[in-house]
């Protein structure tokens, strides 16, 4: 079964850092813009960052300057480096294709908790 597998989450203090990874099927990874999303308790899932096959990156305002998205096309893996983490970054983080027409079923996600 084709699936997305996110990893790297955990508990971190405010100001700390985490790096998330997502292994994606080559069927979507090789040709589509990939994205990280997050869903906080009681809120809708929101887009965090996108990266094209060529490496062009876009971020939501709330994470600009703190998060960095990247991709390794040879490994079919997309990363999210998160620095200067804040309590409001607490959420389950997911990856998927940026275009809803090409998305796979959502994976389990990886929990990020920012708390002292």
Protein backbone atom coordinates (compact mmCIF):
# COMPACT_ATOMS: atom_id res chain seq x y z
CA UNK A 1 0.00 0.00 0.00
CA UNK A 2 1.35 3.39 -0.97
CA UNK A 3 1.85 5.52 2.10
CA UNK A 4 3.59 8.46 3.67
CA UNK A 5 5.74 7.92 6.75
CA UNK A 6 6.57 10.89 8.96
CA UNK A 7 9.11 10.76 11.80
CA UNK A 8 11.28 12.89 14.03
CA UNK A 9 8.76 14.49 16.34
CA UNK A 10 9.05 14.68 20.10
CA UNK A 11 8.95 16.84 23.18
CA UNK A 12 11.16 19.91 23.14
CA UNK A 13 11.51 23.02 25.27
CA UNK A 14 10.67 26.45 23.88
CA UNK A 15 13.57 27.69 21.80
CA UNK A 16 14.64 24.17 20.92
CA UNK A 17 14.98 22.45 17.57
CA UNK A 18 13.69 19.35 15.81
CA UNK A 19 14.10 17.90 12.34
CA UNK A 20 11.19 16.01 10.82
CA UNK A 21 11.50 13.53 7.97
CA UNK A 22 8.94 12.13 5.58
CA UNK A 23 9.47 9.21 3.23
CA UNK A 24 7.14 9.43 0.26
CA UNK A 25 6.41 7.11 -2.65
CA UNK A 26 8.42 7.91 -5.72
CA UNK A 27 5.18 8.05 -7.70
CA UNK A 28 4.38 11.46 -6.22
CA UNK A 29 7.71 12.60 -4.87
CA UNK A 30 9.58 12.69 -8.16
CA UNK A 31 7.24 15.08 -9.94
CA UNK A 32 5.18 17.03 -7.41
CA UNK A 33 5.67 19.89 -5.04
CA UNK A 34 5.75 18.47 -1.53
CA UNK A 35 4.48 20.12 1.62
CA UNK A 36 4.44 19.92 5.38
CA UNK A 37 1.15 20.50 7.18
CA UNK A 38 0.24 20.59 10.85
CA UNK A 39 -2.88 20.17 12.93
CA UNK A 40 -3.07 21.54 16.45
CA UNK A 41 -5.66 20.25 18.94
CA UNK A 42 -9.09 21.60 18.10
CA UNK A 43 -7.90 23.30 14.91
CA UNK A 44 -7.99 22.54 11.22
CA UNK A 45 -4.97 21.20 9.40
CA UNK A 46 -2.88 24.05 7.99
CA UNK A 47 -0.14 24.33 5.42
CA UNK A 48 3.29 25.09 6.89
CA UNK A 49 5.74 24.98 3.99
CA UNK A 50 6.16 23.76 0.42
CA UNK A 51 9.14 22.82 -1.74
CA UNK A 52 9.13 22.23 -5.48
CA UNK A 53 11.13 19.55 -7.25
CA UNK A 54 13.62 22.25 -8.12
CA UNK A 55 13.93 23.41 -4.52
CA UNK A 56 11.84 26.59 -4.48
CA UNK A 57 10.47 27.08 -0.96
CA UNK A 58 7.43 28.87 0.43
CA UNK A 59 6.52 29.28 4.11
CA UNK A 60 3.50 30.38 6.10
CA UNK A 61 4.25 33.68 7.85
CA UNK A 62 4.21 32.17 11.34
CA UNK A 63 7.27 29.98 10.65
CA UNK A 64 9.33 32.20 8.34
CA UNK A 65 12.89 32.54 9.57
CA UNK A 66 12.51 29.60 11.96
CA UNK A 67 11.65 26.58 9.78
CA UNK A 68 13.42 25.25 6.71
CA UNK A 69 11.93 22.73 4.30
CA UNK A 70 14.15 20.66 2.04
CA UNK A 71 13.99 17.52 -0.06
CA UNK A 72 16.34 14.76 -1.14
CA UNK A 73 15.04 13.61 -4.52
CA UNK A 74 17.35 10.60 -4.54
CA UNK A 75 15.88 9.34 -1.27
CA UNK A 76 12.28 10.42 -1.89
CA UNK A 77 12.41 12.19 1.44
CA UNK A 78 11.29 15.66 2.51
CA UNK A 79 12.57 17.32 5.68
CA UNK A 80 11.45 20.10 7.98
CA UNK A 81 14.14 21.69 10.13
CA UNK A 82 12.41 23.55 12.96
CA UNK A 83 14.34 26.05 15.09
CA UNK A 84 13.33 28.50 17.82
CA UNK A 85 10.27 26.40 18.52
CA UNK A 86 7.33 27.98 20.33
CA UNK A 87 4.46 26.42 22.29
CA UNK A 88 2.11 27.41 19.46
CA UNK A 89 4.06 25.09 17.14
CA UNK A 90 2.67 22.14 19.09
CA UNK A 91 0.76 19.97 16.62
CA UNK A 92 0.79 16.76 14.66
CA UNK A 93 2.89 17.32 11.55
CA UNK A 94 2.10 15.64 8.24
CA UNK A 95 3.62 15.65 4.78
CA UNK A 96 1.86 15.21 1.46
CA UNK A 97 1.70 16.61 -2.04
CA UNK A 98 0.97 20.31 -2.02
CA UNK A 99 -1.70 19.98 -4.72
CA UNK A 100 -4.86 18.41 -3.37
CA UNK A 101 -5.45 16.67 -6.72
CA UNK A 102 -2.36 14.52 -6.18
CA UNK A 103 -2.48 13.83 -2.46
CA UNK A 104 -2.16 10.36 -1.04
CA UNK A 105 -4.10 9.19 2.03
CA UNK A 106 -2.72 11.00 5.05
CA UNK A 107 -0.12 9.19 7.10
CA UNK A 108 -0.01 8.93 10.90
CA UNK A 109 1.89 12.15 11.24
CA UNK A 110 4.48 12.89 13.90
CA UNK A 111 3.68 14.67 17.16
CA UNK A 112 5.62 17.80 18.05
CA UNK A 113 5.13 19.14 21.56
CA UNK A 114 6.81 22.36 22.66
CA UNK A 115 6.61 22.78 26.40
CA UNK A 116 8.77 23.60 29.39
